[in-house]
Amino acid sequence: MVGDPRQRQKERAADEAVALVESGMVLGMGAGSTAALVASRLAERIARGTLRDVVCVPCSGVVAQQLRKLGLRALPLAERPQVDLTIDGADEVDPNLDLIKGAGGALLREKMVAQASRREVIVVDEGKMSERLGTRALLPVEIFPFGWRAEEQFLQGLGAAPMLRLRQDKPFETDEGHYILDCAVAPISDTRALARALDERSGVAGHGLFLGLATEVIVGTDNGFRRIRRIPG
């Protein structure tokens, strides 16, 4: 919405993030509305001649198409396995800069690109900030279709309330052909213990807990933005 104050906040944060992009960079691009904002501003900088020779690594097929329509170069992570900077969004951010991501359905690829990045900058509006993960956002868990009911029961055993994500009354499928269970987990008492349990489960292809990956979060505000950097150590 044009008059949405949170959208304006995110636009301010996106402008600041795109200002970090330098000529010759390999740039990771997340999915969803944040990627669309960043792509349009990136194209504007290139059209003005203030930026050149940027290669984008998109986290979804939809974003790849958007980039190419704007005349931007898009290549898979397999061809550019070292990423200089990734700009992405988040569904929830805690004071440690740990995140919940995946509302756009590209969480596995987003995490792969984040792990391959030297720098991960997250763009959000103020409404995404939270004292504890799981308070505001559902936790997406990407699962293999073969045993999705077993994974549903497994997540219930962890105290989550999983719901199969649907699209037009059919299971939503990621670019990898996986399903997503959106889990109510509010709030998560031990994010690292939960992440370990999910990582160890064979039927789980990925999950939306992004712990220790964001190097910086840019929060759009009504009057501008604020930058929060991860403290090393």
C-alpha atoms as a PDB file:
ATOM      1  CA  MET A   1       0.000   0.000   0.000  1.00  0.00           C
ATOM      2  CA  VAL A   2       1.260   3.442  -0.950  1.00  0.00           C
ATOM      3  CA  GLY A   3       0.172   4.956   2.362  1.00  0.00           C
ATOM      4  CA  ASP A   4       1.414   2.099   4.541  1.00  0.00           C
ATOM      5  CA  PRO A   5       3.870   3.561   7.100  1.00  0.00           C
ATOM      6  CA  ARG A   6       5.690   0.218   7.491  1.00  0.00           C
ATOM      7  CA  GLN A   7       6.214   0.026   3.747  1.00  0.00           C
ATOM      8  CA  ARG A   8       7.741   3.513   3.794  1.00  0.00           C
ATOM      9  CA  GLN A   9       9.983   2.450   6.677  1.00  0.00           C
ATOM     10  CA  LYS A  10      11.194  -0.560   4.720  1.00  0.00           C
ATOM     11  CA  GLU A  11      11.817   1.591   1.653  1.00  0.00           C
ATOM     12  CA  ARG A  12      14.060   3.887   3.701  1.00  0.00           C
ATOM     13  CA  ALA A  13      15.997   0.899   5.007  1.00  0.00           C
ATOM     14  CA  ALA A  14      16.290  -0.587   1.503  1.00  0.00           C
ATOM     15  CA  ASP A  15      17.692   2.691   0.139  1.00  0.00           C
ATOM     16  CA  GLU A  16      20.403   2.648   2.786  1.00  0.00           C
ATOM     17  CA  ALA A  17      21.230  -1.012   2.108  1.00  0.00           C
ATOM     18  CA  VAL A  18      21.525  -0.506  -1.661  1.00  0.00           C
ATOM     19  CA  ALA A  19      23.954   2.359  -0.986  1.00  0.00           C
ATOM     20  CA  LEU A  20      26.350  -0.320   0.345  1.00  0.00           C
ATOM     21  CA  VAL A  21      26.566  -2.050  -3.052  1.00  0.00           C
ATOM     22  CA  GLU A  22      29.789  -1.367  -4.955  1.00  0.00           C
ATOM     23  CA  SER A  23      30.727  -1.949  -8.584  1.00  0.00           C
ATOM     24  CA  GLY A  24      32.001  -5.442  -9.316  1.00  0.00           C
ATOM     25  CA  MET A  25      30.249  -7.050  -6.352  1.00  0.00           C
ATOM     26  CA  VAL A  26      28.550 -10.419  -6.245  1.00  0.00           C
ATOM     27  CA  LEU A  27      25.276  -9.535  -4.547  1.00  0.00           C
ATOM     28  CA  GLY A  28      22.980 -12.016  -2.844  1.00  0.00           C
ATOM     29  CA  MET A  29      19.293 -11.200  -3.192  1.00  0.00           C
ATOM     30  CA  GLY A  30      16.615 -12.542  -0.876  1.00  0.00           C
ATOM     31  CA  ALA A  31      13.018 -13.256  -1.792  1.00  0.00           C
ATOM     32  CA  GLY A  32       9.721 -11.443  -1.472  1.00  0.00           C
ATOM     33  CA  SER A  33       8.920  -7.746  -1.206  1.00  0.00           C
ATOM     34  CA  THR A  34      12.361  -6.787   0.101  1.00  0.00           C
ATOM     35  CA  ALA A  35      14.069  -8.287  -2.946  1.00  0.00           C
ATOM     36  CA  ALA A  36      11.694  -6.389  -5.235  1.00  0.00           C
ATOM     37  CA  LEU A  37      12.549  -3.106  -3.513  1.00  0.00           C
ATOM     38  CA  VAL A  38      16.284  -3.738  -3.657  1.00  0.00           C
ATOM     39  CA  ALA A  39      16.135  -4.826  -7.298  1.00  0.00           C
ATOM     40  CA  SER A  40      14.349  -1.668  -8.429  1.00  0.00           C
ATOM     41  CA  ARG A  41      16.760   0.609  -6.593  1.00  0.00           C
ATOM     42  CA  LEU A  42      19.731  -1.354  -7.867  1.00  0.00           C
ATOM     43  CA  ALA A  43      18.482  -0.968 -11.442  1.00  0.00           C
ATOM     44  CA  GLU A  44      18.107   2.784 -10.887  1.00  0.00           C
ATOM     45  CA  ARG A  45      21.724   3.101  -9.737  1.00  0.00           C
ATOM     46  CA  ILE A  46      22.969   1.129 -12.727  1.00  0.00           C
ATOM     47  CA  ALA A  47      20.859   3.228 -15.110  1.00  0.00           C
ATOM     48  CA  ARG A  48      22.368   6.407 -13.624  1.00  0.00           C
ATOM     49  CA  GLY A  49      25.846   5.019 -14.182  1.00  0.00           C
ATOM     50  CA  THR A  50      26.841   5.082 -10.502  1.00  0.00           C
ATOM     51  CA  LEU A  51      27.124   1.292 -10.390  1.00  0.00           C
ATOM     52  CA  ARG A  52      28.331  -1.335 -12.844  1.00  0.00           C
ATOM     53  CA  ASP A  53      29.380  -4.975 -13.210  1.00  0.00           C
ATOM     54  CA  VAL A  54      27.176  -6.263 -10.385  1.00  0.00           C
ATOM     55  CA  VAL A  55      26.275  -9.964 -10.490  1.00  0.00           C
ATOM     56  CA  CYS A  56      23.181 -10.960  -8.517  1.00  0.00           C
ATOM     57  CA  VAL A  57      22.631 -14.337  -6.874  1.00  0.00           C
ATOM     58  CA  PRO A  58      18.845 -14.584  -6.380  1.00  0.00           C
ATOM     59  CA  CYS A  59      17.293 -16.892  -3.796  1.00  0.00           C
ATOM     60  CA  SER A  60      14.201 -17.750  -5.843  1.00  0.00           C
ATOM     61  CA  GLY A  61      13.169 -18.251  -9.431  1.00  0.00           C
ATOM     62  CA  VAL A  62      10.653 -15.394  -9.147  1.00  0.00           C
ATOM     63  CA  VAL A  63      13.368 -12.973  -8.053  1.00  0.00           C
ATOM     64  CA  ALA A  64      15.638 -14.173 -10.855  1.00  0.00           C
ATOM     65  CA  GLN A  65      12.918 -13.306 -13.367  1.00  0.00           C
ATOM     66  CA  GLN A  66      12.401  -9.880 -11.777  1.00  0.00           C
ATOM     67  CA  LEU A  67      16.110  -9.138 -11.970  1.00  0.00           C
ATOM     68  CA  ARG A  68      16.381 -10.127 -15.619  1.00  0.00           C
ATOM     69  CA  LYS A  69      13.338  -8.010 -16.531  1.00  0.00           C
ATOM     70  CA  LEU A  70      15.160  -5.040 -15.004  1.00  0.00           C
ATOM     71  CA  GLY A  71      18.241  -5.820 -17.089  1.00  0.00           C
ATOM     72  CA  LEU A  72      20.277  -7.107 -14.137  1.00  0.00           C
ATOM     73  CA  ARG A  73      22.580 -10.102 -14.368  1.00  0.00           C
ATOM     74  CA  ALA A  74      21.404 -13.093 -12.312  1.00  0.00           C
ATOM     75  CA  LEU A  75      23.399 -16.283 -11.767  1.00  0.00           C
ATOM     76  CA  PRO A  76      22.909 -19.275  -9.441  1.00  0.00           C
ATOM     77  CA  LEU A  77      25.021 -19.800  -6.341  1.00  0.00           C
ATOM     78  CA  ALA A  78      26.712 -22.738  -8.083  1.00  0.00           C
ATOM     79  CA  GLU A  79      28.318 -20.262 -10.499  1.00  0.00           C
ATOM     80  CA  ARG A  80      29.121 -17.588  -7.890  1.00  0.00           C
ATOM     81  CA  PRO A  81      29.785 -19.538  -4.672  1.00  0.00           C
ATOM     82  CA  GLN A  82      31.427 -16.581  -2.898  1.00  0.00           C
ATOM     83  CA  VAL A  83      29.055 -13.695  -2.245  1.00  0.00           C
ATOM     84  CA  ASP A  84      30.359 -10.265  -1.225  1.00  0.00           C
ATOM     85  CA  LEU A  85      27.134  -8.885   0.203  1.00  0.00           C
ATOM     86  CA  THR A  86      23.607 -10.190   0.643  1.00  0.00           C
ATOM     87  CA  ILE A  87      20.639  -7.911   1.195  1.00  0.00           C
ATOM     88  CA  ASP A  88      17.558  -9.660   2.522  1.00  0.00           C
ATOM     89  CA  GLY A  89      14.503  -9.146   4.691  1.00  0.00           C
ATOM     90  CA  ALA A  90      13.290 -10.917   7.827  1.00  0.00           C
ATOM     91  CA  ASP A  91      10.015 -11.783   9.493  1.00  0.00           C
ATOM     92  CA  GLU A  92      11.333 -11.178  13.011  1.00  0.00           C
ATOM     93  CA  VAL A  93      14.607  -9.892  14.525  1.00  0.00           C
ATOM     94  CA  ASP A  94      15.698 -10.220  18.160  1.00  0.00           C
ATOM     95  CA  PRO A  95      18.261  -8.105  20.081  1.00  0.00           C
ATOM     96  CA  ASN A  96      21.079 -10.539  19.155  1.00  0.00           C
ATOM     97  CA  LEU A  97      20.291 -10.030  15.441  1.00  0.00           C
ATOM     98  CA  ASP A  98      19.047 -13.598  15.196  1.00  0.00           C
ATOM     99  CA  LEU A  99      16.174 -13.955  12.766  1.00  0.00           C
ATOM    100  CA  ILE A 100      13.083 -15.825  11.699  1.00  0.00           C
ATOM    101  CA  LYS A 101      12.842 -15.903   7.906  1.00  0.00           C
ATOM    102  CA  GLY A 102      10.923 -17.817   5.282  1.00  0.00           C
ATOM    103  CA  ALA A 103       7.502 -16.189   4.853  1.00  0.00           C
ATOM    104  CA  GLY A 104       8.371 -15.838   1.166  1.00  0.00           C
ATOM    105  CA  GLY A 105       9.047 -19.568   0.860  1.00  0.00           C
ATOM    106  CA  ALA A 106      12.757 -19.400  -0.050  1.00  0.00           C
ATOM    107  CA  LEU A 107      14.274 -20.082   3.371  1.00  0.00           C
ATOM    108  CA  LEU A 108      16.591 -22.934   2.324  1.00  0.00           C
ATOM    109  CA  ARG A 109      18.150 -20.992  -0.548  1.00  0.00           C
ATOM    110  CA  GLU A 110      18.265 -17.825   1.536  1.00  0.00           C
ATOM    111  CA  LYS A 111      20.237 -19.598   4.241  1.00  0.00           C
ATOM    112  CA  MET A 112      22.610 -21.159   1.710  1.00  0.00           C
ATOM    113  CA  VAL A 113      23.320 -17.741   0.202  1.00  0.00           C
ATOM    114  CA  ALA A 114      23.675 -16.180   3.664  1.00  0.00           C
ATOM    115  CA  GLN A 115      26.230 -18.801   4.669  1.00  0.00           C
ATOM    116  CA  ALA A 116      28.187 -18.110   1.473  1.00  0.00           C
ATOM    117  CA  SER A 117      28.209 -14.348   2.109  1.00  0.00           C
ATOM    118  CA  ARG A 118      30.947 -12.224   3.599  1.00  0.00           C
ATOM    119  CA  ARG A 119      28.307  -9.780   4.804  1.00  0.00           C
ATOM    120  CA  GLU A 120      24.581 -10.230   5.402  1.00  0.00           C
ATOM    121  CA  VAL A 121      22.529  -7.029   5.712  1.00  0.00           C
ATOM    122  CA  ILE A 122      18.899  -7.360   6.770  1.00  0.00           C
ATOM    123  CA  VAL A 123      16.278  -4.743   5.860  1.00  0.00           C
ATOM    124  CA  VAL A 124      13.162  -4.455   8.058  1.00  0.00           C
ATOM    125  CA  ASP A 125      10.557  -2.039   9.346  1.00  0.00           C
ATOM    126  CA  GLU A 126      10.202  -1.358  13.066  1.00  0.00           C
ATOM    127  CA  GLY A 127       7.357  -3.859  13.392  1.00  0.00           C
ATOM    128  CA  LYS A 128       9.759  -6.767  12.782  1.00  0.00           C
ATOM    129  CA  MET A 129      11.815  -6.093  15.928  1.00  0.00           C
ATOM    130  CA  SER A 130      11.090  -8.405  18.853  1.00  0.00           C
ATOM    131  CA  GLU A 131      12.485  -9.204  22.277  1.00  0.00           C
ATOM    132  CA  ARG A 132      12.225 -12.958  21.635  1.00  0.00           C
ATOM    133  CA  LEU A 133      11.849 -14.912  18.391  1.00  0.00           C
ATOM    134  CA  GLY A 134       8.501 -16.560  17.856  1.00  0.00           C
ATOM    135  CA  THR A 135       6.600 -13.746  19.530  1.00  0.00           C
ATOM    136  CA  ARG A 136       5.520 -12.100  16.265  1.00  0.00           C
ATOM    137  CA  ALA A 137       6.223 -14.586  13.464  1.00  0.00           C
ATOM    138  CA  LEU A 138       5.514 -18.207  12.662  1.00  0.00           C
ATOM    139  CA  LEU A 139       8.591 -20.389  12.174  1.00  0.00           C
ATOM    140  CA  PRO A 140       8.703 -21.987   8.684  1.00  0.00           C
ATOM    141  CA  VAL A 141      10.152 -25.487   8.492  1.00  0.00           C
ATOM    142  CA  GLU A 142      10.916 -26.830   5.009  1.00  0.00           C
ATOM    143  CA  ILE A 143      10.304 -30.551   4.726  1.00  0.00           C
ATOM    144  CA  PHE A 144      10.486 -33.361   2.184  1.00  0.00           C
ATOM    145  CA  PRO A 145       7.000 -34.273   0.896  1.00  0.00           C
ATOM    146  CA  PHE A 146       7.721 -38.012   1.266  1.00  0.00           C
ATOM    147  CA  GLY A 147       7.247 -37.960   5.035  1.00  0.00           C
ATOM    148  CA  TRP A 148       5.572 -34.674   5.792  1.00  0.00           C
ATOM    149  CA  ARG A 149       3.034 -36.181   8.191  1.00  0.00           C
ATOM    150  CA  ALA A 150       5.853 -37.724  10.229  1.00  0.00           C
ATOM    151  CA  GLU A 151       7.573 -34.336  10.389  1.00  0.00           C
ATOM    152  CA  GLU A 152       4.305 -32.738  11.449  1.00  0.00           C
ATOM    153  CA  GLN A 153       4.142 -35.151  14.389  1.00  0.00           C
ATOM    154  CA  PHE A 154       7.813 -34.550  15.184  1.00  0.00           C
ATOM    155  CA  LEU A 155       7.237 -30.790  15.368  1.00  0.00           C
ATOM    156  CA  GLN A 156       4.193 -31.286  17.559  1.00  0.00           C
ATOM    157  CA  GLY A 157       6.428 -33.289  19.885  1.00  0.00           C
ATOM    158  CA  LEU A 158       8.716 -30.268  20.154  1.00  0.00           C
ATOM    159  CA  GLY A 159       5.787 -28.199  21.373  1.00  0.00           C
ATOM    160  CA  ALA A 160       5.132 -26.467  18.052  1.00  0.00           C
ATOM    161  CA  ALA A 161       1.784 -26.122  16.315  1.00  0.00           C
ATOM    162  CA  PRO A 162       2.579 -26.817  12.622  1.00  0.00           C
ATOM    163  CA  MET A 163       0.297 -25.895   9.726  1.00  0.00           C
ATOM    164  CA  LEU A 164       0.903 -27.044   6.166  1.00  0.00           C
ATOM    165  CA  ARG A 165       1.334 -24.009   3.914  1.00  0.00           C
ATOM    166  CA  LEU A 166      -1.140 -24.034   1.050  1.00  0.00           C
ATOM    167  CA  ARG A 167      -1.453 -22.285  -2.297  1.00  0.00           C
ATOM    168  CA  GLN A 168      -4.824 -22.486  -4.046  1.00  0.00           C
ATOM    169  CA  ASP A 169      -5.874 -25.358  -1.763  1.00  0.00           C
ATOM    170  CA  LYS A 170      -2.769 -27.398  -2.632  1.00  0.00           C
ATOM    171  CA  PRO A 171       0.491 -27.741  -0.686  1.00  0.00           C
ATOM    172  CA  PHE A 172       2.831 -24.851  -1.408  1.00  0.00           C
ATOM    173  CA  GLU A 173       6.032 -26.118  -3.023  1.00  0.00           C
ATOM    174  CA  THR A 174       9.394 -24.389  -2.773  1.00  0.00           C
ATOM    175  CA  ASP A 175      11.758 -24.045  -5.736  1.00  0.00           C
ATOM    176  CA  GLU A 176      13.305 -27.309  -4.517  1.00  0.00           C
ATOM    177  CA  GLY A 177       9.930 -29.085  -4.541  1.00  0.00           C
ATOM    178  CA  HIS A 178       9.623 -29.186  -0.749  1.00  0.00           C
ATOM    179  CA  TYR A 179       6.639 -28.449   1.506  1.00  0.00           C
ATOM    180  CA  ILE A 180       6.596 -25.903   4.318  1.00  0.00           C
ATOM    181  CA  LEU A 181       5.103 -26.310   7.777  1.00  0.00           C
ATOM    182  CA  ASP A 182       4.511 -22.936   9.440  1.00  0.00           C
ATOM    183  CA  CYS A 183       4.886 -23.416  13.175  1.00  0.00           C
ATOM    184  CA  ALA A 184       3.484 -21.410  16.044  1.00  0.00           C
ATOM    185  CA  VAL A 185       6.279 -21.557  18.614  1.00  0.00           C
ATOM    186  CA  ALA A 186       5.689 -18.394  20.637  1.00  0.00           C
ATOM    187  CA  PRO A 187       8.007 -17.480  22.167  1.00  0.00           C
ATOM    188  CA  ILE A 188      11.124 -19.652  21.704  1.00  0.00           C
ATOM    189  CA  SER A 189      12.940 -20.127  24.995  1.00  0.00           C
ATOM    190  CA  ASP A 190      16.136 -21.610  23.508  1.00  0.00           C
ATOM    191  CA  THR A 191      16.631 -20.858  19.813  1.00  0.00           C
ATOM    192  CA  ARG A 192      19.878 -22.796  19.520  1.00  0.00           C
ATOM    193  CA  ALA A 193      18.463 -25.947  21.059  1.00  0.00           C
ATOM    194  CA  LEU A 194      15.495 -25.799  18.702  1.00  0.00           C
ATOM    195  CA  ALA A 195      17.754 -25.175  15.701  1.00  0.00           C
ATOM    196  CA  ARG A 196      19.887 -28.209  16.644  1.00  0.00           C
ATOM    197  CA  ALA A 197      16.824 -30.430  16.938  1.00  0.00           C
ATOM    198  CA  LEU A 198      15.623 -29.343  13.507  1.00  0.00           C
ATOM    199  CA  ASP A 199      19.083 -29.668  11.930  1.00  0.00           C
ATOM    200  CA  GLU A 200      19.376 -33.248  13.178  1.00  0.00           C
ATOM    201  CA  ARG A 201      16.030 -34.366  11.729  1.00  0.00           C
ATOM    202  CA  SER A 202      16.421 -36.174   8.386  1.00  0.00           C
ATOM    203  CA  GLY A 203      13.032 -35.127   7.047  1.00  0.00           C
ATOM    204  CA  VAL A 204      13.743 -31.432   7.595  1.00  0.00           C
ATOM    205  CA  ALA A 205      15.362 -29.787   4.583  1.00  0.00           C
ATOM    206  CA  GLY A 206      15.740 -26.426   6.297  1.00  0.00           C
ATOM    207  CA  HIS A 207      14.205 -24.056   8.806  1.00  0.00           C
ATOM    208  CA  GLY A 208      13.700 -20.355   9.293  1.00  0.00           C
ATOM    209  CA  LEU A 209      15.951 -19.837  12.320  1.00  0.00           C
ATOM    210  CA  PHE A 210      18.869 -17.754  11.016  1.00  0.00           C
ATOM    211  CA  LEU A 211      21.248 -17.630  13.961  1.00  0.00           C
ATOM    212  CA  GLY A 212      24.500 -15.695  13.845  1.00  0.00           C
ATOM    213  CA  LEU A 213      24.222 -14.963  10.129  1.00  0.00           C
ATOM    214  CA  ALA A 214      23.149 -11.314  10.013  1.00  0.00           C
ATOM    215  CA  THR A 215      26.118  -8.951  10.279  1.00  0.00           C
ATOM    216  CA  GLU A 216      23.914  -5.860  10.294  1.00  0.00           C
ATOM    217  CA  VAL A 217      20.232  -4.940  10.460  1.00  0.00           C
ATOM    218  CA  ILE A 218      18.921  -1.701   8.975  1.00  0.00           C
ATOM    219  CA  VAL A 219      15.622  -0.727  10.575  1.00  0.00           C
ATOM    220  CA  GLY A 220      13.469   1.762   8.715  1.00  0.00           C
ATOM    221  CA  THR A 221      11.745   4.329  10.943  1.00  0.00           C
ATOM    222  CA  ASP A 222       9.253   7.140  10.432  1.00  0.00           C
ATOM    223  CA  ASN A 223      12.116   9.645  10.390  1.00  0.00           C
ATOM    224  CA  GLY A 224      14.795   7.656   8.590  1.00  0.00           C
ATOM    225  CA  PHE A 225      16.574   4.516   9.735  1.00  0.00           C
ATOM    226  CA  ARG A 226      18.879   3.054  12.340  1.00  0.00           C
ATOM    227  CA  ARG A 227      21.677   0.564  11.839  1.00  0.00           C
ATOM    228  CA  ILE A 228      22.396  -2.232  14.307  1.00  0.00           C
ATOM    229  CA  ARG A 229      25.661  -4.108  13.866  1.00  0.00           C
ATOM    230  CA  ARG A 230      26.527  -7.485  15.318  1.00  0.00           C
ATOM    231  CA  ILE A 231      29.160  -7.292  18.017  1.00  0.00           C
ATOM    232  CA  PRO A 232      31.987  -9.755  17.182  1.00  0.00           C
ATOM    233  CA  GLY A 233      32.648 -12.536  19.631  1.00  0.00           C
END
